Amino acid sequence: MIHTLRHRALAVAAGAVAALALAGAPAFAQSAAKPDVRIATGTPGGAYYVMGAVLADVLTRSGRVASATAEAASGAIESARLVDSGQSTLAAMDANWVDLGLKGGAPFKKKIDLVTIVPLGVWGLFFVSLQDGEVKSLDDLKGKRVAVGAKGSGMEMHARQIITSIGWDFEKDIKPVYLAFGPGASAVREGRADAQLQCCIPNAGLSELSELAKARMVTMSPDQLKKTVGEGRVYASGFLKKDAFRGHAQDTPVINILNGYMGVASLDENTAYVIAKTYIENIDQMIEKTPQYASVKELFEQAKTAGPGVLEMGAPLHPGAVRAFREAGILK
């Protein structure tokens, strides 16, 4: 089991400690040993897997950590377990799983004291169909074959949440087709599914669908959006911008799913601080390597006026992260 390490200095003069305190030094010792950071991401080839690798590279290059590795995980349930046990430092998680983890709701077996270290992104969550097909709005999904993600996946959970929020029965009012991103997009293109739940764009599945066929975003009514977003702990209202994928001709209201790099509240403050500080300083470089990070920079700007809630992806910010955001001028 790997734990983040924190060592005290071998000898620190009492006078020096007092001087640092008077100078407003960090609450955690500057001489703390560099931490080992392990990032539980997602399945190989998925957005979380690639984004985690980029973050690990940035942390390694910063020289502030002893090591940083991004490791595949089967999903949010395993990732949350890994950070709770101390085997991982960070877990890439959708806010819906974070909310369930905090409550100890099924499929979690106990409550996990999750906190946000940094936001991972805010992405549009929407159904997509073919332009020449029958499905144009969410109401048109009734009775149709809908690719909802792999069985037991986070995408399936999102699909269930949307469908049940608007008062439908998931198994009866639609015909779920359990296929992941790429196979699900192919099924729509080939006529084996009428629509697919999409997220985390750009992704190869949607790019291929929109390049080889004419795709459309399935629209939702204002009332349906409001019912799905609910209290705003997991989802938020947003817009899928024009040209987000080929054939998407205008900015359109959409559900946004919140995503974060999560840790546990007991995570050492120095580790959380180093991760957040490095993340903030390198966000532009990370966006260049992985476009899915683009929304993070927008969140940073919003937080300057809206406060820390914008950065909390289903759980409060870790105190070490708060310090990094304040130093960067993102939080007051």
C-alpha atoms as a PDB file:
ATOM      1  CA  MET A   1       0.000   0.000   0.000  1.00  0.00           C
ATOM      2  CA  ILE A   2       1.414   3.342  -1.000  1.00  0.00           C
ATOM      3  CA  HIS A   3       0.827   6.331   1.236  1.00  0.00           C
ATOM      4  CA  THR A   4       1.819   9.936   0.667  1.00  0.00           C
ATOM      5  CA  LEU A   5       4.757  10.729   2.887  1.00  0.00           C
ATOM      6  CA  ARG A   6       5.331  13.643   5.173  1.00  0.00           C
ATOM      7  CA  HIS A   7       8.576  13.990   7.117  1.00  0.00           C
ATOM      8  CA  ARG A   8       9.534  16.532   9.697  1.00  0.00           C
ATOM      9  CA  ALA A   9      12.891  18.263   9.344  1.00  0.00           C
ATOM     10  CA  LEU A  10      15.621  16.518  11.344  1.00  0.00           C
ATOM     11  CA  ALA A  11      16.290  19.665  13.303  1.00  0.00           C
ATOM     12  CA  VAL A  12      14.561  23.024  13.242  1.00  0.00           C
ATOM     13  CA  ALA A  13      15.550  25.821  15.612  1.00  0.00           C
ATOM     14  CA  ALA A  14      12.678  27.152  17.665  1.00  0.00           C
ATOM     15  CA  GLY A  15      13.568  30.705  16.706  1.00  0.00           C
ATOM     16  CA  ALA A  16      13.399  29.863  13.007  1.00  0.00           C
ATOM     17  CA  VAL A  17       9.959  28.291  13.450  1.00  0.00           C
ATOM     18  CA  ALA A  18       8.719  31.406  15.186  1.00  0.00           C
ATOM     19  CA  ALA A  19      10.134  33.599  12.426  1.00  0.00           C
ATOM     20  CA  LEU A  20       8.395  31.570   9.746  1.00  0.00           C
ATOM     21  CA  ALA A  21       5.107  31.803  11.606  1.00  0.00           C
ATOM     22  CA  LEU A  22       5.421  35.557  11.906  1.00  0.00           C
ATOM     23  CA  ALA A  23       6.204  35.786   8.201  1.00  0.00           C
ATOM     24  CA  GLY A  24       2.931  34.051   7.354  1.00  0.00           C
ATOM     25  CA  ALA A  25       4.552  30.803   6.166  1.00  0.00           C
ATOM     26  CA  PRO A  26       2.324  27.923   5.045  1.00  0.00           C
ATOM     27  CA  ALA A  27       0.648  25.911   7.811  1.00  0.00           C
ATOM     28  CA  PHE A  28       2.501  22.870   6.498  1.00  0.00           C
ATOM     29  CA  ALA A  29       6.281  22.745   6.739  1.00  0.00           C
ATOM     30  CA  GLN A  30       8.149  23.879   3.663  1.00  0.00           C
ATOM     31  CA  SER A  31      10.736  21.204   4.397  1.00  0.00           C
ATOM     32  CA  ALA A  32       8.170  18.403   4.067  1.00  0.00           C
ATOM     33  CA  ALA A  33       9.363  15.506   1.941  1.00  0.00           C
ATOM     34  CA  LYS A  34       8.205  15.491  -1.655  1.00  0.00           C
ATOM     35  CA  PRO A  35       5.090  13.322  -1.949  1.00  0.00           C
ATOM     36  CA  ASP A  36       4.486  10.330  -4.166  1.00  0.00           C
ATOM     37  CA  VAL A  37       1.290  10.977  -6.150  1.00  0.00           C
ATOM     38  CA  ARG A  38      -0.754   8.140  -7.610  1.00  0.00           C
ATOM     39  CA  ILE A  39      -3.754   9.021  -9.780  1.00  0.00           C
ATOM     40  CA  ALA A  40      -6.607   6.539 -10.226  1.00  0.00           C
ATOM     41  CA  THR A  41      -7.995   7.427 -13.662  1.00  0.00           C
ATOM     42  CA  GLY A  42     -10.331   5.242 -15.723  1.00  0.00           C
ATOM     43  CA  THR A  43     -10.278   2.544 -18.356  1.00  0.00           C
ATOM     44  CA  PRO A  44      -7.422   2.683 -20.924  1.00  0.00           C
ATOM     45  CA  GLY A  45      -8.279   4.922 -23.873  1.00  0.00           C
ATOM     46  CA  GLY A  46     -10.959   6.870 -22.024  1.00  0.00           C
ATOM     47  CA  ALA A  47     -10.844  10.591 -21.285  1.00  0.00           C
ATOM     48  CA  TYR A  48      -9.881  10.154 -17.618  1.00  0.00           C
ATOM     49  CA  TYR A  49      -7.016   7.824 -18.513  1.00  0.00           C
ATOM     50  CA  VAL A  50      -5.472  10.294 -20.963  1.00  0.00           C
ATOM     51  CA  MET A  51      -6.067  13.322 -18.750  1.00  0.00           C
ATOM     52  CA  GLY A  52      -4.511  11.571 -15.754  1.00  0.00           C
ATOM     53  CA  ALA A  53      -1.379  10.809 -17.767  1.00  0.00           C
ATOM     54  CA  VAL A  54      -1.057  14.489 -18.681  1.00  0.00           C
ATOM     55  CA  LEU A  55      -1.412  15.541 -15.043  1.00  0.00           C
ATOM     56  CA  ALA A  56       1.162  12.964 -13.911  1.00  0.00           C
ATOM     57  CA  ASP A  57       3.616  14.284 -16.495  1.00  0.00           C
ATOM     58  CA  VAL A  58       3.123  17.889 -15.359  1.00  0.00           C
ATOM     59  CA  LEU A  59       3.594  16.953 -11.710  1.00  0.00           C
ATOM     60  CA  THR A  60       6.754  14.987 -12.488  1.00  0.00           C
ATOM     61  CA  ARG A  61       8.245  17.817 -14.521  1.00  0.00           C
ATOM     62  CA  SER A  62       7.518  20.333 -11.759  1.00  0.00           C
ATOM     63  CA  GLY A  63      10.082  18.742  -9.481  1.00  0.00           C
ATOM     64  CA  ARG A  64       7.731  19.191  -6.523  1.00  0.00           C
ATOM     65  CA  VAL A  65       6.868  15.516  -6.171  1.00  0.00           C
ATOM     66  CA  ALA A  66       9.010  12.435  -5.653  1.00  0.00           C
ATOM     67  CA  SER A  67       6.984  10.603  -8.292  1.00  0.00           C
ATOM     68  CA  ALA A  68       3.649  10.852 -10.096  1.00  0.00           C
ATOM     69  CA  THR A  69       1.887   8.011 -11.874  1.00  0.00           C
ATOM     70  CA  ALA A  70      -1.472   7.691 -13.592  1.00  0.00           C
ATOM     71  CA  GLU A  71      -2.992   4.251 -13.223  1.00  0.00           C
ATOM     72  CA  ALA A  72      -5.986   2.618 -14.872  1.00  0.00           C
ATOM     73  CA  ALA A  73      -9.032   1.939 -12.709  1.00  0.00           C
ATOM     74  CA  SER A  74     -12.268   0.182 -13.559  1.00  0.00           C
ATOM     75  CA  GLY A  75     -14.360   3.194 -12.596  1.00  0.00           C
ATOM     76  CA  ALA A  76     -15.326   5.594  -9.839  1.00  0.00           C
ATOM     77  CA  ILE A  77     -16.198   2.870  -7.320  1.00  0.00           C
ATOM     78  CA  GLU A  78     -12.710   1.396  -7.453  1.00  0.00           C
ATOM     79  CA  SER A  79     -11.073   4.846  -7.624  1.00  0.00           C
ATOM     80  CA  ALA A  80     -12.890   6.003  -4.482  1.00  0.00           C
ATOM     81  CA  ARG A  81     -11.871   2.810  -2.697  1.00  0.00           C
ATOM     82  CA  LEU A  82      -8.244   3.363  -3.674  1.00  0.00           C
ATOM     83  CA  VAL A  83      -8.084   6.897  -2.269  1.00  0.00           C
ATOM     84  CA  ASP A  84      -9.962   5.841   0.848  1.00  0.00           C
ATOM     85  CA  SER A  85      -7.449   3.039   1.512  1.00  0.00           C
ATOM     86  CA  GLY A  86      -4.452   5.279   0.774  1.00  0.00           C
ATOM     87  CA  GLN A  87      -3.403   3.283  -2.282  1.00  0.00           C
ATOM     88  CA  SER A  88      -4.054   6.303  -4.512  1.00  0.00           C
ATOM     89  CA  THR A  89      -3.748  10.027  -3.898  1.00  0.00           C
ATOM     90  CA  LEU A  90      -6.287  11.253  -6.425  1.00  0.00           C
ATOM     91  CA  ALA A  91      -9.373   9.737  -8.011  1.00  0.00           C
ATOM     92  CA  ALA A  92     -10.872  11.074 -11.232  1.00  0.00           C
ATOM     93  CA  MET A  93     -14.612  11.038 -10.534  1.00  0.00           C
ATOM     94  CA  ASP A  94     -17.921  12.368 -11.819  1.00  0.00           C
ATOM     95  CA  ALA A  95     -19.780  14.355  -9.177  1.00  0.00           C
ATOM     96  CA  ASN A  96     -22.692  11.909  -9.104  1.00  0.00           C
ATOM     97  CA  TRP A  97     -20.352   9.207  -7.777  1.00  0.00           C
ATOM     98  CA  VAL A  98     -18.807  11.696  -5.338  1.00  0.00           C
ATOM     99  CA  ASP A  99     -22.242  12.505  -3.954  1.00  0.00           C
ATOM    100  CA  LEU A 100     -23.054   8.802  -3.500  1.00  0.00           C
ATOM    101  CA  GLY A 101     -19.666   8.159  -1.915  1.00  0.00           C
ATOM    102  CA  LEU A 102     -20.186  10.920   0.657  1.00  0.00           C
ATOM    103  CA  LYS A 103     -23.583   9.458   1.559  1.00  0.00           C
ATOM    104  CA  GLY A 104     -22.469   5.843   1.479  1.00  0.00           C
ATOM    105  CA  GLY A 105     -25.255   5.078  -0.968  1.00  0.00           C
ATOM    106  CA  ALA A 106     -25.281   1.963  -3.154  1.00  0.00           C
ATOM    107  CA  PRO A 107     -23.074   0.719  -4.702  1.00  0.00           C
ATOM    108  CA  PHE A 108     -20.748   2.131  -2.016  1.00  0.00           C
ATOM    109  CA  LYS A 109     -20.612  -0.005   1.126  1.00  0.00           C
ATOM    110  CA  LYS A 110     -19.699   2.860   3.469  1.00  0.00           C
ATOM    111  CA  LYS A 111     -19.334   6.631   3.541  1.00  0.00           C
ATOM    112  CA  ILE A 112     -16.081   7.999   2.132  1.00  0.00           C
ATOM    113  CA  ASP A 113     -14.908  11.434   3.273  1.00  0.00           C
ATOM    114  CA  LEU A 114     -14.166  12.750  -0.217  1.00  0.00           C
ATOM    115  CA  VAL A 115     -12.931  16.278  -0.927  1.00  0.00           C
ATOM    116  CA  THR A 116     -12.144  18.162  -4.113  1.00  0.00           C
ATOM    117  CA  ILE A 117      -8.463  18.746  -4.804  1.00  0.00           C
ATOM    118  CA  VAL A 118      -8.957  20.403  -8.208  1.00  0.00           C
ATOM    119  CA  PRO A 119     -11.799  20.410 -10.740  1.00  0.00           C
ATOM    120  CA  LEU A 120     -11.192  18.101 -13.677  1.00  0.00           C
ATOM    121  CA  GLY A 121     -13.762  19.725 -15.945  1.00  0.00           C
ATOM    122  CA  VAL A 122     -17.377  20.486 -16.708  1.00  0.00           C
ATOM    123  CA  TRP A 123     -18.626  18.667 -19.782  1.00  0.00           C
ATOM    124  CA  GLY A 124     -21.851  18.654 -21.720  1.00  0.00           C
ATOM    125  CA  LEU A 125     -23.945  15.507 -21.294  1.00  0.00           C
ATOM    126  CA  PHE A 126     -26.398  14.983 -24.140  1.00  0.00           C
ATOM    127  CA  PHE A 127     -28.032  12.492 -26.448  1.00  0.00           C
ATOM    128  CA  VAL A 128     -27.036  12.393 -30.099  1.00  0.00           C
ATOM    129  CA  SER A 129     -28.915  10.953 -33.086  1.00  0.00           C
ATOM    130  CA  LEU A 130     -28.837  11.131 -36.879  1.00  0.00           C
ATOM    131  CA  GLN A 131     -30.171  14.249 -38.587  1.00  0.00           C
ATOM    132  CA  ASP A 132     -32.386  12.220 -40.913  1.00  0.00           C
ATOM    133  CA  GLY A 133     -33.749  10.043 -38.094  1.00  0.00           C
ATOM    134  CA  GLU A 134     -36.921  10.356 -36.005  1.00  0.00           C
ATOM    135  CA  VAL A 135     -35.228  11.453 -32.774  1.00  0.00           C
ATOM    136  CA  LYS A 136     -34.935  15.231 -32.555  1.00  0.00           C
ATOM    137  CA  SER A 137     -35.964  15.983 -28.962  1.00  0.00           C
ATOM    138  CA  LEU A 138     -35.852  14.047 -25.706  1.00  0.00           C
ATOM    139  CA  ASP A 139     -39.565  13.283 -26.006  1.00  0.00           C
ATOM    140  CA  ASP A 140     -38.788  11.369 -29.211  1.00  0.00           C
ATOM    141  CA  LEU A 141     -36.669   8.866 -27.241  1.00  0.00           C
ATOM    142  CA  LYS A 142     -39.748   7.124 -25.837  1.00  0.00           C
ATOM    143  CA  GLY A 143     -39.772   3.552 -27.107  1.00  0.00           C
ATOM    144  CA  LYS A 144     -36.469   3.990 -28.950  1.00  0.00           C
ATOM    145  CA  ARG A 145     -33.185   2.062 -28.743  1.00  0.00           C
ATOM    146  CA  VAL A 146     -30.708   4.205 -26.808  1.00  0.00           C
ATOM    147  CA  ALA A 147     -27.000   3.418 -26.351  1.00  0.00           C
ATOM    148  CA  VAL A 148     -26.477   4.299 -22.687  1.00  0.00           C
ATOM    149  CA  GLY A 149     -22.903   3.131 -22.073  1.00  0.00           C
ATOM    150  CA  ALA A 150     -21.512  -0.146 -20.846  1.00  0.00           C
ATOM    151  CA  LYS A 151     -23.530  -2.048 -18.257  1.00  0.00           C
ATOM    152  CA  GLY A 152     -22.742  -0.675 -14.801  1.00  0.00           C
ATOM    153  CA  SER A 153     -20.793   2.287 -16.166  1.00  0.00           C
ATOM    154  CA  GLY A 154     -21.005   5.913 -15.137  1.00  0.00           C
ATOM    155  CA  MET A 155     -22.698   6.715 -18.435  1.00  0.00           C
ATOM    156  CA  GLU A 156     -25.452   4.215 -17.701  1.00  0.00           C
ATOM    157  CA  MET A 157     -25.945   5.897 -14.336  1.00  0.00           C
ATOM    158  CA  HIS A 158     -26.216   9.309 -16.019  1.00  0.00           C
ATOM    159  CA  ALA A 159     -28.738   7.927 -18.499  1.00  0.00           C
ATOM    160  CA  ARG A 160     -30.835   6.500 -15.666  1.00  0.00           C
ATOM    161  CA  GLN A 161     -30.714   9.816 -13.816  1.00  0.00           C
ATOM    162  CA  ILE A 162     -31.873  11.811 -16.833  1.00  0.00           C
ATOM    163  CA  ILE A 163     -34.648   9.397 -17.783  1.00  0.00           C
ATOM    164  CA  THR A 164     -36.008   8.993 -14.251  1.00  0.00           C
ATOM    165  CA  SER A 165     -35.732  12.745 -13.515  1.00  0.00           C
ATOM    166  CA  ILE A 166     -38.231  13.517 -16.251  1.00  0.00           C
ATOM    167  CA  GLY A 167     -40.647  10.907 -14.889  1.00  0.00           C
ATOM    168  CA  TRP A 168     -39.950   8.010 -17.241  1.00  0.00           C
ATOM    169  CA  ASP A 169     -39.184   4.369 -16.446  1.00  0.00           C
ATOM    170  CA  PHE A 170     -35.673   3.497 -17.638  1.00  0.00           C
ATOM    171  CA  GLU A 171     -36.416  -0.102 -18.631  1.00  0.00           C
ATOM    172  CA  LYS A 172     -39.913   0.502 -20.004  1.00  0.00           C
ATOM    173  CA  ASP A 173     -39.915   3.918 -21.676  1.00  0.00           C
ATOM    174  CA  ILE A 174     -36.674   3.432 -23.592  1.00  0.00           C
ATOM    175  CA  LYS A 175     -34.877   0.346 -24.886  1.00  0.00           C
ATOM    176  CA  PRO A 176     -31.406   0.526 -23.289  1.00  0.00           C
ATOM    177  CA  VAL A 177     -28.535  -0.647 -25.474  1.00  0.00           C
ATOM    178  CA  TYR A 178     -25.452  -1.315 -23.341  1.00  0.00           C
ATOM    179  CA  LEU A 179     -22.522  -0.134 -25.452  1.00  0.00           C
ATOM    180  CA  ALA A 180     -19.531   2.091 -24.584  1.00  0.00           C
ATOM    181  CA  PHE A 181     -18.667   5.306 -26.455  1.00  0.00           C
ATOM    182  CA  GLY A 182     -17.120   3.949 -29.653  1.00  0.00           C
ATOM    183  CA  PRO A 183     -19.411   0.943 -30.180  1.00  0.00           C
ATOM    184  CA  GLY A 184     -22.457   3.025 -29.206  1.00  0.00           C
ATOM    185  CA  ALA A 185     -21.650   5.701 -31.784  1.00  0.00           C
ATOM    186  CA  SER A 186     -21.149   3.005 -34.425  1.00  0.00           C
ATOM    187  CA  ALA A 187     -24.529   1.507 -33.516  1.00  0.00           C
ATOM    188  CA  VAL A 188     -26.243   4.867 -34.148  1.00  0.00           C
ATOM    189  CA  ARG A 189     -24.456   5.296 -37.461  1.00  0.00           C
ATOM    190  CA  GLU A 190     -25.334   1.764 -38.562  1.00  0.00           C
ATOM    191  CA  GLY A 191     -28.984   1.952 -37.458  1.00  0.00           C
ATOM    192  CA  ARG A 192     -28.663  -0.506 -34.557  1.00  0.00           C
ATOM    193  CA  ALA A 193     -29.507   2.253 -32.071  1.00  0.00           C
ATOM    194  CA  ASP A 194     -31.644   5.361 -32.498  1.00  0.00           C
ATOM    195  CA  ALA A 195     -29.628   7.601 -30.170  1.00  0.00           C
ATOM    196  CA  GLN A 196     -26.640   7.594 -27.842  1.00  0.00           C
ATOM    197  CA  LEU A 197     -25.777   9.380 -24.595  1.00  0.00           C
ATOM    198  CA  GLN A 198     -22.572  11.329 -25.199  1.00  0.00           C
ATOM    199  CA  CYS A 199     -20.082  13.201 -23.021  1.00  0.00           C
ATOM    200  CA  CYS A 200     -16.441  14.237 -22.688  1.00  0.00           C
ATOM    201  CA  ILE A 201     -15.989  15.625 -26.170  1.00  0.00           C
ATOM    202  CA  PRO A 202     -13.913  15.601 -28.215  1.00  0.00           C
ATOM    203  CA  ASN A 203     -13.851  11.811 -28.206  1.00  0.00           C
ATOM    204  CA  ALA A 204     -13.085   9.384 -31.000  1.00  0.00           C
ATOM    205  CA  GLY A 205     -16.541   7.803 -31.055  1.00  0.00           C
ATOM    206  CA  LEU A 206     -18.470  11.033 -31.625  1.00  0.00           C
ATOM    207  CA  SER A 207     -15.831  12.366 -34.025  1.00  0.00           C
ATOM    208  CA  GLU A 208     -16.178   9.250 -36.158  1.00  0.00           C
ATOM    209  CA  LEU A 209     -19.969   9.377 -36.025  1.00  0.00           C
ATOM    210  CA  SER A 210     -20.122  13.026 -37.084  1.00  0.00           C
ATOM    211  CA  GLU A 211     -17.491  12.551 -39.789  1.00  0.00           C
ATOM    212  CA  LEU A 212     -19.110   9.489 -41.376  1.00  0.00           C
ATOM    213  CA  ALA A 213     -22.744  10.513 -40.883  1.00  0.00           C
ATOM    214  CA  LYS A 214     -24.800  13.644 -40.182  1.00  0.00           C
ATOM    215  CA  ALA A 215     -25.310  13.779 -36.431  1.00  0.00           C
ATOM    216  CA  ARG A 216     -27.544  16.015 -34.334  1.00  0.00           C
ATOM    217  CA  MET A 217     -27.786  16.859 -30.652  1.00  0.00           C
ATOM    218  CA  VAL A 218     -31.096  15.714 -29.137  1.00  0.00           C
ATOM    219  CA  THR A 219     -32.627  18.777 -27.478  1.00  0.00           C
ATOM    220  CA  MET A 220     -34.224  18.970 -24.032  1.00  0.00           C
ATOM    221  CA  SER A 221     -36.990  21.345 -22.942  1.00  0.00           C
ATOM    222  CA  PRO A 222     -36.248  23.938 -20.219  1.00  0.00           C
ATOM    223  CA  ASP A 223     -38.430  21.951 -17.811  1.00  0.00           C
ATOM    224  CA  GLN A 224     -36.569  18.706 -18.542  1.00  0.00           C
ATOM    225  CA  LEU A 225     -33.227  20.436 -18.016  1.00  0.00           C
ATOM    226  CA  LYS A 226     -34.414  21.919 -14.728  1.00  0.00           C
ATOM    227  CA  LYS A 227     -35.641  18.553 -13.434  1.00  0.00           C
ATOM    228  CA  THR A 228     -32.363  16.843 -14.328  1.00  0.00           C
ATOM    229  CA  VAL A 229     -30.079  19.510 -12.873  1.00  0.00           C
ATOM    230  CA  GLY A 230     -32.007  19.523  -9.580  1.00  0.00           C
ATOM    231  CA  GLU A 231     -30.049  20.973  -6.654  1.00  0.00           C
ATOM    232  CA  GLY A 232     -26.898  21.434  -8.694  1.00  0.00           C
ATOM    233  CA  ARG A 233     -24.578  19.171  -6.663  1.00  0.00           C
ATOM    234  CA  VAL A 234     -23.995  16.832  -9.579  1.00  0.00           C
ATOM    235  CA  TYR A 235     -25.212  18.618 -12.693  1.00  0.00           C
ATOM    236  CA  ALA A 236     -25.357  22.231 -13.829  1.00  0.00           C
ATOM    237  CA  SER A 237     -27.033  24.091 -16.674  1.00  0.00           C
ATOM    238  CA  GLY A 238     -24.767  25.021 -19.545  1.00  0.00           C
ATOM    239  CA  PHE A 239     -24.457  25.334 -23.301  1.00  0.00           C
ATOM    240  CA  LEU A 240     -22.988  23.023 -25.887  1.00  0.00           C
ATOM    241  CA  LYS A 241     -21.164  25.535 -28.046  1.00  0.00           C
ATOM    242  CA  LYS A 242     -21.518  25.828 -31.784  1.00  0.00           C
ATOM    243  CA  ASP A 243     -19.172  23.480 -33.670  1.00  0.00           C
ATOM    244  CA  ALA A 244     -18.576  21.330 -30.568  1.00  0.00           C
ATOM    245  CA  PHE A 245     -18.880  18.503 -33.083  1.00  0.00           C
ATOM    246  CA  ARG A 246     -19.365  18.495 -36.835  1.00  0.00           C
ATOM    247  CA  GLY A 247     -22.918  19.480 -37.741  1.00  0.00           C
ATOM    248  CA  HIS A 248     -23.707  21.207 -34.419  1.00  0.00           C
ATOM    249  CA  ALA A 249     -24.718  24.588 -35.792  1.00  0.00           C
ATOM    250  CA  GLN A 250     -25.579  26.703 -32.740  1.00  0.00           C
ATOM    251  CA  ASP A 251     -25.079  27.120 -29.002  1.00  0.00           C
ATOM    252  CA  THR A 252     -27.668  24.875 -27.343  1.00  0.00           C
ATOM    253  CA  PRO A 253     -28.737  24.471 -23.683  1.00  0.00           C
ATOM    254  CA  VAL A 254     -27.311  21.288 -22.211  1.00  0.00           C
ATOM    255  CA  ILE A 255     -26.765  19.426 -18.954  1.00  0.00           C
ATOM    256  CA  ASN A 256     -23.237  19.871 -17.634  1.00  0.00           C
ATOM    257  CA  ILE A 257     -21.715  17.118 -15.531  1.00  0.00           C
ATOM    258  CA  LEU A 258     -19.182  18.190 -12.890  1.00  0.00           C
ATOM    259  CA  ASN A 259     -15.933  16.190 -12.666  1.00  0.00           C
ATOM    260  CA  GLY A 260     -13.037  16.418 -10.242  1.00  0.00           C
ATOM    261  CA  TYR A 261      -9.771  15.026  -9.025  1.00  0.00           C
ATOM    262  CA  MET A 262     -10.875  13.917  -5.599  1.00  0.00           C
ATOM    263  CA  GLY A 263      -8.962  12.972  -2.479  1.00  0.00           C
ATOM    264  CA  VAL A 264      -9.907  12.251   1.108  1.00  0.00           C
ATOM    265  CA  ALA A 265     -10.136  14.864   3.860  1.00  0.00           C
ATOM    266  CA  SER A 266      -7.220  13.273   5.743  1.00  0.00           C
ATOM    267  CA  LEU A 267      -4.844  13.858   2.812  1.00  0.00           C
ATOM    268  CA  ASP A 268      -1.758  15.738   3.990  1.00  0.00           C
ATOM    269  CA  GLU A 269      -2.085  19.495   3.349  1.00  0.00           C
ATOM    270  CA  ASN A 270       1.285  19.818   1.670  1.00  0.00           C
ATOM    271  CA  THR A 271       0.369  17.172  -0.902  1.00  0.00           C
ATOM    272  CA  ALA A 272      -2.953  18.812  -1.738  1.00  0.00           C
ATOM    273  CA  TYR A 273      -1.255  22.210  -1.954  1.00  0.00           C
ATOM    274  CA  VAL A 274       1.521  20.993  -4.277  1.00  0.00           C
ATOM    275  CA  ILE A 275      -0.940  19.244  -6.598  1.00  0.00           C
ATOM    276  CA  ALA A 276      -3.281  22.241  -6.813  1.00  0.00           C
ATOM    277  CA  LYS A 277      -0.467  24.785  -7.224  1.00  0.00           C
ATOM    278  CA  THR A 278       1.159  22.792 -10.027  1.00  0.00           C
ATOM    279  CA  TYR A 279      -2.199  22.192 -11.698  1.00  0.00           C
ATOM    280  CA  ILE A 280      -3.088  25.899 -11.674  1.00  0.00           C
ATOM    281  CA  GLU A 281       0.294  26.986 -13.034  1.00  0.00           C
ATOM    282  CA  ASN A 282       0.254  24.462 -15.881  1.00  0.00           C
ATOM    283  CA  ILE A 283      -3.385  24.480 -16.983  1.00  0.00           C
ATOM    284  CA  ASP A 284      -2.601  26.142 -20.342  1.00  0.00           C
ATOM    285  CA  GLN A 285      -0.006  23.503 -21.167  1.00  0.00           C
ATOM    286  CA  MET A 286      -2.423  20.760 -20.153  1.00  0.00           C
ATOM    287  CA  ILE A 287      -5.170  22.176 -22.375  1.00  0.00           C
ATOM    288  CA  GLU A 288      -2.778  22.072 -25.339  1.00  0.00           C
ATOM    289  CA  LYS A 289      -2.174  18.373 -24.747  1.00  0.00           C
ATOM    290  CA  THR A 290      -5.740  17.416 -23.786  1.00  0.00           C
ATOM    291  CA  PRO A 291      -8.585  19.742 -24.910  1.00  0.00           C
ATOM    292  CA  GLN A 292     -10.957  18.273 -22.303  1.00  0.00           C
ATOM    293  CA  TYR A 293      -9.172  20.437 -19.737  1.00  0.00           C
ATOM    294  CA  ALA A 294     -10.387  23.658 -21.425  1.00  0.00           C
ATOM    295  CA  SER A 295     -13.409  24.076 -19.157  1.00  0.00           C
ATOM    296  CA  VAL A 296     -11.156  24.100 -16.075  1.00  0.00           C
ATOM    297  CA  LYS A 297      -9.720  27.466 -17.044  1.00  0.00           C
ATOM    298  CA  GLU A 298     -13.261  28.811 -17.400  1.00  0.00           C
ATOM    299  CA  LEU A 299     -14.040  27.558 -13.873  1.00  0.00           C
ATOM    300  CA  PHE A 300     -10.967  29.378 -12.545  1.00  0.00           C
ATOM    301  CA  GLU A 301     -12.256  32.641 -14.019  1.00  0.00           C
ATOM    302  CA  GLN A 302     -15.775  32.098 -12.663  1.00  0.00           C
ATOM    303  CA  ALA A 303     -14.457  31.346  -9.179  1.00  0.00           C
ATOM    304  CA  LYS A 304     -12.831  34.788  -8.974  1.00  0.00           C
ATOM    305  CA  THR A 305     -16.285  36.319  -8.633  1.00  0.00           C
ATOM    306  CA  ALA A 306     -18.560  33.398  -7.712  1.00  0.00           C
ATOM    307  CA  GLY A 307     -16.391  31.893  -4.977  1.00  0.00           C
ATOM    308  CA  PRO A 308     -15.202  28.378  -4.059  1.00  0.00           C
ATOM    309  CA  GLY A 309     -18.476  26.627  -4.874  1.00  0.00           C
ATOM    310  CA  VAL A 310     -17.580  26.797  -8.563  1.00  0.00           C
ATOM    311  CA  LEU A 311     -14.508  24.636  -7.905  1.00  0.00           C
ATOM    312  CA  GLU A 312     -16.242  22.057  -5.691  1.00  0.00           C
ATOM    313  CA  MET A 313     -17.045  19.000  -7.760  1.00  0.00           C
ATOM    314  CA  GLY A 314     -19.627  17.422  -5.465  1.00  0.00           C
ATOM    315  CA  ALA A 315     -17.532  17.873  -2.305  1.00  0.00           C
ATOM    316  CA  PRO A 316     -15.780  20.769  -0.489  1.00  0.00           C
ATOM    317  CA  LEU A 317     -12.251  21.864  -1.387  1.00  0.00           C
ATOM    318  CA  HIS A 318      -9.350  20.480   0.623  1.00  0.00           C
ATOM    319  CA  PRO A 319      -7.715  23.219   2.786  1.00  0.00           C
ATOM    320  CA  GLY A 320      -4.376  22.716   1.024  1.00  0.00           C
ATOM    321  CA  ALA A 321      -6.067  23.297  -2.320  1.00  0.00           C
ATOM    322  CA  VAL A 322      -7.840  26.382  -0.967  1.00  0.00           C
ATOM    323  CA  ARG A 323      -4.461  27.889  -0.092  1.00  0.00           C
ATOM    324  CA  ALA A 324      -3.136  27.283  -3.613  1.00  0.00           C
ATOM    325  CA  PHE A 325      -6.208  28.877  -5.175  1.00  0.00           C
ATOM    326  CA  ARG A 326      -5.876  31.903  -2.900  1.00  0.00           C
ATOM    327  CA  GLU A 327      -2.196  32.340  -3.702  1.00  0.00           C
ATOM    328  CA  ALA A 328      -3.070  32.258  -7.413  1.00  0.00           C
ATOM    329  CA  GLY A 329      -5.714  34.981  -6.946  1.00  0.00           C
ATOM    330  CA  ILE A 330      -8.541  32.644  -7.953  1.00  0.00           C
ATOM    331  CA  LEU A 331     -10.127  32.731  -4.506  1.00  0.00           C
ATOM    332  CA  LYS A 332     -10.189  35.659  -2.115  1.00  0.00           C
END
